[in-house]
Amino acid sequence: MPIIRAAGGVLWTDGTDTPLVAVVHRPRYDDWSLPKGKRASGEHLIQTATREVAEETGFAAVVGQRLPSQQYEVLDGDKTVDWWAMRAAGGAFRPGNEVDQLRWLSAAGATPLLTYDRDRLVLGAFGTAPIPSAFVLLVRHAKAGNRAAWSGDDRLRPLDSAGAKQARRLAEILPIWAPERVASADRLRCTQTVAPLAAALELSVELEPAASEEAFQADPDTAIARIRGLAKLGGASVLCSQGGAIPAAVSMLAAADGVELDSPRGLRSASSANSAPHDVPAKKGSVWALAFAGERLLAADYYPDFRS
């Protein structure tokens, strides 16, 4: 049986006392559900989720923390649905053939309306997770060829053709978090990794020397303070760094703030109590989406790549 991949979102907006979430009615099934849909060719699932939310609700969305995935059987095979929390960022609902009603309700009010227990579980996970005030997207630079084959200053080693492709893909995906600033370690391969993103967002790349692996290894506390400083600014920030810094930085933040990296938001079995840098992945071109409340880490989602 084929595996059907789909994705969706818990779309929320501010309410008077508590966030309000969007639930939709599908006349074809006469059910109330959370907005979701099947992945289209070439999409990463996070693109599927934001597209489907926009199509079913009429609202653009800024992606947030990852929520637990769902697996269940349907007539066409086994289905896996990936979920994210998403903040509504403008738009308006218009009834159509696929979705004819939308209601904004508190999580408590939406739960009994939802037709499926699996949607209630997703909504429950959203309701128990604090809403972040900021995200820091910690990017490892894209591929830059063989280090041993480069005879020049390693700080000036550029991306290769595969790395340039990864950088363009990051520029397609990371705007989903609505970044407000882009920073990078002072290494050419790092600045080149986020340059297409900065251009797409009409931002400049701010150099952050403390984010290089040499600077991190010499003074990790300063680098961690820089990451927390970006979080304190609010919104979303992008920081590009290196493989000698990112695993240790994520491990230190998780340990200091009591975040379990083996939760649905972190895709490795490393705990806050004993996670070591070698337990924390950081492939070239990967992203750790670090969710913060003020300067305190709440959750860490790992995206090894953004291929479809």
Foldseek 3Di string as FASTA:
>chain_A
DDEWEKEAEFEWEDDPVAIWTKWFAFVVVRFIFGFMDTDDPWAFRVVRHQVRNCVQAFFGWQWDFWFDWDWDADPVGIYIYTYTYTYTDDGGGDADNGTGDMDTGGLVVVLVRGPDPVRNRRSVRVVVADGFQEKEKEAEFAAQDDPVVDPDDQLARAHDPRRLVLLVVCLVPVCSQVAPAEEEASGRSTCSSPVSNCVSNVHDYHYDNCQELVNCVVPVVVVLVVRLVNSLVGGYYYYYYHLNRVLQSVLVLCLVQFEQLVDSQHPFRAGSPGDDSVRHDHAHSKIWIFGHHRSHTRGIHIGNGGTD
